[in-house]
Amino acid sequence: MLPNYLSALPHFLSYFSMAALLLCVFWSIYTFLTPHDELALIREGNTSASIALVGTLIGFALPVAAAISHSVSTMALIQWSLAAMALQLAVYALLRLLMPQLGASISEDRPAGAILLAGISIVCGILNAAAMSY
């Protein structure tokens, strides 16, 4: 007989793989929407691009983690994660409307906008994750 944790391994792999895939989808959409190439800027040593990207990814990962812990199926995980994705992208769009110079400040490695974006993304992710505790 397998230990209990080994019998749960297929579920772990299913949820983890789906979460990783959703994170990649979010990353792709987010970087497509930004006016700059985050990875190129990060390779050049742009700290602001790194702060903004990591904060945004954390902001998305928090509700995905909550969805994993509360979902009864991978379909529920996908549905809650898509809701979280939409919310995170809406927050980014709203911040871009309120701060049209945000993209330029990140490209020029001025960290104030990147820190604000990262912070708001994380706060949104925390609230989103808490709301999923139904």
C-alpha atoms as a PDB file:
ATOM      1  CA  MET A   1       0.000   0.000   0.000  1.00  0.00           C
ATOM      2  CA  LEU A   2       1.322   3.439  -0.919  1.00  0.00           C
ATOM      3  CA  PRO A   3       1.717   6.076   1.761  1.00  0.00           C
ATOM      4  CA  ASN A   4      -1.158   8.590   1.732  1.00  0.00           C
ATOM      5  CA  TYR A   5       0.920  11.387   0.212  1.00  0.00           C
ATOM      6  CA  LEU A   6       1.873   9.217  -2.760  1.00  0.00           C
ATOM      7  CA  SER A   7      -1.753   8.415  -3.479  1.00  0.00           C
ATOM      8  CA  ALA A   8      -2.392  12.182  -3.696  1.00  0.00           C
ATOM      9  CA  LEU A   9       0.496  12.703  -6.128  1.00  0.00           C
ATOM     10  CA  PRO A  10      -1.682  12.642  -9.284  1.00  0.00           C
ATOM     11  CA  HIS A  11      -3.886  15.386  -7.824  1.00  0.00           C
ATOM     12  CA  PHE A  12      -0.838  17.418  -6.835  1.00  0.00           C
ATOM     13  CA  LEU A  13       0.626  17.097 -10.317  1.00  0.00           C
ATOM     14  CA  SER A  14      -2.694  18.017 -11.911  1.00  0.00           C
ATOM     15  CA  TYR A  15      -3.210  21.155  -9.827  1.00  0.00           C
ATOM     16  CA  PHE A  16       0.427  22.235  -9.965  1.00  0.00           C
ATOM     17  CA  SER A  17       0.665  21.712 -13.727  1.00  0.00           C
ATOM     18  CA  MET A  18      -2.556  23.617 -14.331  1.00  0.00           C
ATOM     19  CA  ALA A  19      -1.409  26.469 -12.084  1.00  0.00           C
ATOM     20  CA  ALA A  20       1.934  26.646 -13.905  1.00  0.00           C
ATOM     21  CA  LEU A  21       0.156  26.687 -17.262  1.00  0.00           C
ATOM     22  CA  LEU A  22      -2.221  29.434 -16.099  1.00  0.00           C
ATOM     23  CA  LEU A  23       0.740  31.451 -14.823  1.00  0.00           C
ATOM     24  CA  CYS A  24       2.402  31.142 -18.238  1.00  0.00           C
ATOM     25  CA  VAL A  25      -0.812  32.251 -19.949  1.00  0.00           C
ATOM     26  CA  PHE A  26      -1.106  35.230 -17.608  1.00  0.00           C
ATOM     27  CA  TRP A  27       2.562  36.126 -18.122  1.00  0.00           C
ATOM     28  CA  SER A  28       2.124  35.978 -21.900  1.00  0.00           C
ATOM     29  CA  ILE A  29      -0.986  38.160 -21.916  1.00  0.00           C
ATOM     30  CA  TYR A  30       0.453  40.661 -19.442  1.00  0.00           C
ATOM     31  CA  THR A  31       3.730  41.062 -21.345  1.00  0.00           C
ATOM     32  CA  PHE A  32       1.806  41.387 -24.617  1.00  0.00           C
ATOM     33  CA  LEU A  33      -0.216  44.260 -23.130  1.00  0.00           C
ATOM     34  CA  THR A  34       2.741  46.184 -21.779  1.00  0.00           C
ATOM     35  CA  PRO A  35       4.396  48.714 -24.085  1.00  0.00           C
ATOM     36  CA  HIS A  36       7.864  47.300 -23.409  1.00  0.00           C
ATOM     37  CA  ASP A  37       9.680  43.964 -23.509  1.00  0.00           C
ATOM     38  CA  GLU A  38      10.112  43.039 -19.839  1.00  0.00           C
ATOM     39  CA  LEU A  39      12.594  40.231 -20.402  1.00  0.00           C
ATOM     40  CA  ALA A  40      14.808  42.357 -22.649  1.00  0.00           C
ATOM     41  CA  LEU A  41      14.760  45.161 -20.087  1.00  0.00           C
ATOM     42  CA  ILE A  42      15.529  42.737 -17.260  1.00  0.00           C
ATOM     43  CA  ARG A  43      18.427  41.251 -19.245  1.00  0.00           C
ATOM     44  CA  GLU A  44      19.779  44.813 -19.573  1.00  0.00           C
ATOM     45  CA  GLY A  45      19.621  45.225 -15.789  1.00  0.00           C
ATOM     46  CA  ASN A  46      16.396  47.237 -15.582  1.00  0.00           C
ATOM     47  CA  THR A  47      15.315  46.893 -11.951  1.00  0.00           C
ATOM     48  CA  SER A  48      11.969  48.600 -12.515  1.00  0.00           C
ATOM     49  CA  ALA A  49      10.911  46.042 -15.120  1.00  0.00           C
ATOM     50  CA  SER A  50      11.830  43.250 -12.733  1.00  0.00           C
ATOM     51  CA  ILE A  51       9.924  44.790  -9.812  1.00  0.00           C
ATOM     52  CA  ALA A  52       6.803  45.358 -11.921  1.00  0.00           C
ATOM     53  CA  LEU A  53       6.832  41.881 -13.467  1.00  0.00           C
ATOM     54  CA  VAL A  54       7.482  40.010 -10.230  1.00  0.00           C
ATOM     55  CA  GLY A  55       4.873  42.010  -8.326  1.00  0.00           C
ATOM     56  CA  THR A  56       2.309  41.352 -11.021  1.00  0.00           C
ATOM     57  CA  LEU A  57       3.112  37.622 -11.077  1.00  0.00           C
ATOM     58  CA  ILE A  58       2.816  37.436  -7.277  1.00  0.00           C
ATOM     59  CA  GLY A  59      -0.481  39.302  -7.494  1.00  0.00           C
ATOM     60  CA  PHE A  60      -1.782  36.615  -9.833  1.00  0.00           C
ATOM     61  CA  ALA A  61      -0.214  33.650  -8.019  1.00  0.00           C
ATOM     62  CA  LEU A  62      -1.867  34.513  -4.697  1.00  0.00           C
ATOM     63  CA  PRO A  63      -5.454  33.966  -5.886  1.00  0.00           C
ATOM     64  CA  VAL A  64      -4.392  30.935  -7.925  1.00  0.00           C
ATOM     65  CA  ALA A  65      -2.975  29.438  -4.720  1.00  0.00           C
ATOM     66  CA  ALA A  66      -6.255  30.206  -2.944  1.00  0.00           C
ATOM     67  CA  ALA A  67      -8.173  28.634  -5.816  1.00  0.00           C
ATOM     68  CA  ILE A  68      -6.057  25.484  -5.518  1.00  0.00           C
ATOM     69  CA  SER A  69      -6.737  25.207  -1.800  1.00  0.00           C
ATOM     70  CA  HIS A  70     -10.499  25.761  -2.185  1.00  0.00           C
ATOM     71  CA  SER A  71     -11.262  24.059  -5.501  1.00  0.00           C
ATOM     72  CA  VAL A  72     -12.849  20.668  -5.711  1.00  0.00           C
ATOM     73  CA  SER A  73     -11.730  20.140  -9.304  1.00  0.00           C
ATOM     74  CA  THR A  74      -9.240  21.434 -11.829  1.00  0.00           C
ATOM     75  CA  MET A  75     -12.160  23.011 -13.703  1.00  0.00           C
ATOM     76  CA  ALA A  76     -12.992  25.101 -10.633  1.00  0.00           C
ATOM     77  CA  LEU A  77      -9.311  26.046 -10.399  1.00  0.00           C
ATOM     78  CA  ILE A  78      -9.361  27.169 -14.024  1.00  0.00           C
ATOM     79  CA  GLN A  79     -12.548  29.200 -13.587  1.00  0.00           C
ATOM     80  CA  TRP A  80     -11.341  31.011 -10.454  1.00  0.00           C
ATOM     81  CA  SER A  81      -7.927  31.582 -12.007  1.00  0.00           C
ATOM     82  CA  LEU A  82      -9.465  33.107 -15.119  1.00  0.00           C
ATOM     83  CA  ALA A  83     -11.466  35.448 -12.889  1.00  0.00           C
ATOM     84  CA  ALA A  84      -8.252  36.380 -11.062  1.00  0.00           C
ATOM     85  CA  MET A  85      -6.500  36.903 -14.387  1.00  0.00           C
ATOM     86  CA  ALA A  86      -9.220  39.223 -15.629  1.00  0.00           C
ATOM     87  CA  LEU A  87      -9.087  41.216 -12.408  1.00  0.00           C
ATOM     88  CA  GLN A  88      -5.297  41.552 -12.474  1.00  0.00           C
ATOM     89  CA  LEU A  89      -5.317  42.659 -16.105  1.00  0.00           C
ATOM     90  CA  ALA A  90      -8.101  45.157 -15.342  1.00  0.00           C
ATOM     91  CA  VAL A  91      -6.038  46.585 -12.475  1.00  0.00           C
ATOM     92  CA  TYR A  92      -3.082  47.001 -14.825  1.00  0.00           C
ATOM     93  CA  ALA A  93      -5.289  48.690 -17.453  1.00  0.00           C
ATOM     94  CA  LEU A  94      -6.786  51.031 -14.853  1.00  0.00           C
ATOM     95  CA  LEU A  95      -3.366  51.969 -13.525  1.00  0.00           C
ATOM     96  CA  ARG A  96      -2.181  52.668 -17.090  1.00  0.00           C
ATOM     97  CA  LEU A  97      -5.189  54.957 -17.564  1.00  0.00           C
ATOM     98  CA  LEU A  98      -4.462  56.791 -14.328  1.00  0.00           C
ATOM     99  CA  MET A  99      -0.723  56.939 -15.022  1.00  0.00           C
ATOM    100  CA  PRO A 100      -0.126  57.106 -18.793  1.00  0.00           C
ATOM    101  CA  GLN A 101       3.618  57.522 -18.183  1.00  0.00           C
ATOM    102  CA  LEU A 102       3.834  54.182 -16.320  1.00  0.00           C
ATOM    103  CA  GLY A 103       5.287  52.245 -19.264  1.00  0.00           C
ATOM    104  CA  ALA A 104       7.881  54.922 -19.979  1.00  0.00           C
ATOM    105  CA  SER A 105       8.919  55.102 -16.339  1.00  0.00           C
ATOM    106  CA  ILE A 106       9.484  51.337 -16.261  1.00  0.00           C
ATOM    107  CA  SER A 107      11.391  51.404 -19.564  1.00  0.00           C
ATOM    108  CA  GLU A 108      13.559  54.245 -18.250  1.00  0.00           C
ATOM    109  CA  ASP A 109      14.178  52.321 -15.003  1.00  0.00           C
ATOM    110  CA  ARG A 110      12.482  54.822 -12.720  1.00  0.00           C
ATOM    111  CA  PRO A 111      11.276  52.534  -9.937  1.00  0.00           C
ATOM    112  CA  ALA A 112       8.435  54.597  -8.423  1.00  0.00           C
ATOM    113  CA  GLY A 113       5.853  53.451 -10.982  1.00  0.00           C
ATOM    114  CA  ALA A 114       7.096  49.866 -10.904  1.00  0.00           C
ATOM    115  CA  ILE A 115       6.835  49.736  -7.119  1.00  0.00           C
ATOM    116  CA  LEU A 116       3.322  51.172  -7.269  1.00  0.00           C
ATOM    117  CA  LEU A 117       2.287  48.641  -9.929  1.00  0.00           C
ATOM    118  CA  ALA A 118       3.829  45.753  -7.992  1.00  0.00           C
ATOM    119  CA  GLY A 119       2.240  46.862  -4.744  1.00  0.00           C
ATOM    120  CA  ILE A 120      -1.230  47.386  -6.194  1.00  0.00           C
ATOM    121  CA  SER A 121      -1.003  44.032  -8.007  1.00  0.00           C
ATOM    122  CA  ILE A 122      -0.066  42.240  -4.791  1.00  0.00           C
ATOM    123  CA  VAL A 123      -2.783  44.004  -2.772  1.00  0.00           C
ATOM    124  CA  CYS A 124      -5.333  43.104  -5.442  1.00  0.00           C
ATOM    125  CA  GLY A 125      -4.090  39.506  -5.385  1.00  0.00           C
ATOM    126  CA  ILE A 126      -4.411  39.306  -1.592  1.00  0.00           C
ATOM    127  CA  LEU A 127      -7.972  40.646  -1.660  1.00  0.00           C
ATOM    128  CA  ASN A 128      -8.841  38.402  -4.591  1.00  0.00           C
ATOM    129  CA  ALA A 129      -7.459  35.359  -2.753  1.00  0.00           C
ATOM    130  CA  ALA A 130      -9.370  36.254   0.417  1.00  0.00           C
ATOM    131  CA  ALA A 131     -12.596  36.619  -1.551  1.00  0.00           C
ATOM    132  CA  MET A 132     -12.161  33.074  -2.843  1.00  0.00           C
ATOM    133  CA  SER A 133     -12.392  31.601   0.648  1.00  0.00           C
ATOM    134  CA  TYR A 134     -16.155  31.234   0.269  1.00  0.00           C
END
